[in-house]
Amino acid sequence: METFVLEHHVQGGLDFTALDRSRGEWGEPADDVTAITIDYLSYSLQAFEEMAGPFEKLFLCFWRNYLNKTGDDEILGVVQPFYAWRSLMLASPLWYPQLPTRMRKKILRFAAIVLNAERLDFEGVKSYLE
C-alpha cells in the first residue's frame, strides 16, 4: 500500500501538492542514503555557509559507517541523480522560501558537480560546495 504525504496551500481555494510518498517497505539504498546525508549538508550550509563542524563530521561518519557495514561501494557510482533531485528540492524557493540566494547557488553547484562525477567523492564533498 502506498502512502502519500500531502501539504495544502490555501490561495483562493484548496490545492493539494504531493511532497513525498513512501515506496513501501523496501527502497533504493541510494535514495535512502541521500535523503539522510543531504540534511547534514543543508544544516551545515545554514549554520556555517560551508560543509563544516558537526554536520561535516556526521556526513563523513555516516558514509564511512554505511560503506564499512554494507560493503556497498557501488553506491558511490549511483547516488548522483538522487543527490541532484534532493538538491533541487532544497534549492526550490517554493519549498524553502527563506533560504538565501548564496545558499541556493551552493546547493545547485553541489548538484551540478555530483551529476558530472563518475563516482561520489564523499570525503571531498566540501569542495563540491566551493
Protein backbone atom coordinates (compact mmCIF):
# COMPACT_ATOMS: atom_id res chain seq x y z
CA MET A 1 0.00 0.00 0.00
CA GLU A 2 1.39 3.41 -0.95
CA THR A 3 1.11 6.32 1.43
CA PHE A 4 1.07 9.93 0.33
CA VAL A 5 2.14 12.86 2.46
CA LEU A 6 0.29 15.97 1.37
CA GLU A 7 0.69 19.61 2.17
CA HIS A 8 -2.07 22.01 1.32
CA HIS A 9 -1.79 25.62 0.28
CA VAL A 10 -4.82 27.87 0.51
CA GLN A 11 -4.74 30.56 -2.14
CA GLY A 12 -8.19 31.21 -3.48
CA GLY A 13 -9.15 27.61 -2.85
CA LEU A 14 -7.71 24.34 -1.70
CA ASP A 15 -4.79 22.99 -3.70
CA PHE A 16 -3.07 19.75 -2.70
CA THR A 17 0.53 19.15 -3.70
CA ALA A 18 2.28 15.83 -3.17
CA LEU A 19 5.56 16.41 -1.34
CA ASP A 20 6.71 12.89 -0.79
CA ARG A 21 5.45 9.36 -0.94
CA SER A 22 6.73 6.25 0.66
CA ARG A 23 7.74 3.47 -1.66
CA GLY A 24 6.70 0.77 0.68
CA GLU A 25 8.84 -1.41 2.84
CA TRP A 26 11.91 -1.54 0.60
CA GLY A 27 13.53 1.41 -1.12
CA GLU A 28 16.57 2.13 -3.21
CA PRO A 29 19.54 2.42 -0.81
CA ALA A 30 20.95 5.38 -2.76
CA ASP A 31 17.68 7.26 -2.23
CA ASP A 32 17.65 6.46 1.48
CA VAL A 33 21.30 7.42 1.98
CA THR A 34 20.96 10.71 0.11
CA ALA A 35 17.75 11.53 1.99
CA ILE A 36 19.69 11.37 5.25
CA THR A 37 23.01 12.86 4.21
CA ILE A 38 21.63 15.83 2.25
CA ASP A 39 20.26 17.08 5.57
CA TYR A 40 23.77 17.21 7.04
CA LEU A 41 24.86 19.26 4.04
CA SER A 42 21.83 21.56 4.28
CA TYR A 43 22.16 22.18 8.02
CA SER A 44 25.88 22.80 7.64
CA LEU A 45 25.27 25.40 4.94
CA GLN A 46 22.69 27.11 7.13
CA ALA A 47 24.97 27.11 10.18
CA PHE A 48 28.39 27.74 8.60
CA GLU A 49 27.76 28.56 4.91
CA GLU A 50 30.01 25.61 4.08
CA MET A 51 30.43 21.96 4.96
CA ALA A 52 31.95 22.19 8.43
CA GLY A 53 31.65 21.43 12.11
CA PRO A 54 29.44 18.68 13.48
CA PHE A 55 27.43 18.36 10.26
CA GLU A 56 30.54 17.60 8.23
CA LYS A 57 31.53 15.03 10.87
CA LEU A 58 28.06 13.45 10.73
CA PHE A 59 28.14 13.35 6.92
CA LEU A 60 31.55 11.66 6.84
CA CYS A 61 30.76 9.33 9.75
CA PHE A 62 27.53 8.21 8.12
CA TRP A 63 29.19 7.48 4.77
CA ARG A 64 32.15 5.66 6.34
CA ASN A 65 29.85 3.56 8.53
CA TYR A 66 27.49 2.77 5.68
CA LEU A 67 30.30 1.63 3.40
CA ASN A 68 32.04 -0.29 6.18
CA LYS A 69 28.92 -2.14 7.30
CA THR A 70 27.37 -2.82 3.89
CA GLY A 71 30.37 -3.16 1.61
CA ASP A 72 28.20 -1.36 -0.94
CA ASP A 73 30.97 0.56 -2.71
CA GLU A 74 28.84 0.52 -5.86
CA ILE A 75 26.54 3.13 -4.31
CA LEU A 76 29.18 5.82 -4.92
CA GLY A 77 28.51 5.42 -8.64
CA VAL A 78 24.72 5.63 -8.48
CA VAL A 79 23.88 8.31 -5.90
CA GLN A 80 24.31 11.20 -8.34
CA PRO A 81 20.72 11.55 -9.61
CA PHE A 82 19.35 11.10 -6.09
CA TYR A 83 21.55 13.90 -4.75
CA ALA A 84 20.58 16.08 -7.72
CA TRP A 85 16.87 15.51 -7.03
CA ARG A 86 17.23 16.30 -3.34
CA SER A 87 19.36 19.35 -4.15
CA LEU A 88 16.67 20.70 -6.45
CA MET A 89 14.13 20.33 -3.67
CA LEU A 90 16.39 22.15 -1.18
CA ALA A 91 17.15 24.97 -3.63
CA SER A 92 13.50 25.48 -4.55
CA PRO A 93 12.03 28.79 -3.34
CA LEU A 94 8.63 27.09 -3.31
CA TRP A 95 9.65 24.70 -0.52
CA TYR A 96 12.33 26.81 1.19
CA PRO A 97 11.46 30.48 0.59
CA GLN A 98 13.72 31.81 3.39
CA LEU A 99 16.90 30.22 2.03
CA PRO A 100 19.36 32.92 0.92
CA THR A 101 20.33 33.03 -2.76
CA ARG A 102 24.00 32.31 -1.97
CA MET A 103 22.99 29.02 -0.32
CA ARG A 104 20.74 28.09 -3.24
CA LYS A 105 23.70 28.65 -5.55
CA LYS A 106 25.94 26.41 -3.42
CA ILE A 107 23.30 23.67 -3.38
CA LEU A 108 22.86 23.89 -7.16
CA ARG A 109 26.65 23.85 -7.61
CA PHE A 110 26.76 20.70 -5.49
CA ALA A 111 24.08 19.12 -7.73
CA ALA A 112 25.94 20.02 -10.92
CA ILE A 113 29.27 18.68 -9.65
CA VAL A 114 27.68 15.50 -8.33
CA LEU A 115 25.94 14.87 -11.65
CA ASN A 116 29.24 15.26 -13.51
CA ALA A 117 31.11 12.93 -11.17
CA GLU A 118 31.56 9.33 -12.20
CA ARG A 119 31.72 8.43 -8.50
CA LEU A 120 30.85 10.45 -5.42
CA ASP A 121 33.92 11.57 -3.50
CA PHE A 122 32.17 11.85 -0.15
CA GLU A 123 35.48 12.60 1.57
CA GLY A 124 35.91 15.63 -0.69
CA VAL A 125 32.30 16.82 -0.61
CA LYS A 126 33.41 20.13 0.89
CA SER A 127 34.98 21.03 -2.47
CA TYR A 128 31.63 20.39 -4.21
CA LEU A 129 30.25 23.49 -2.49
CA GLU A 130 33.13 25.92 -3.17
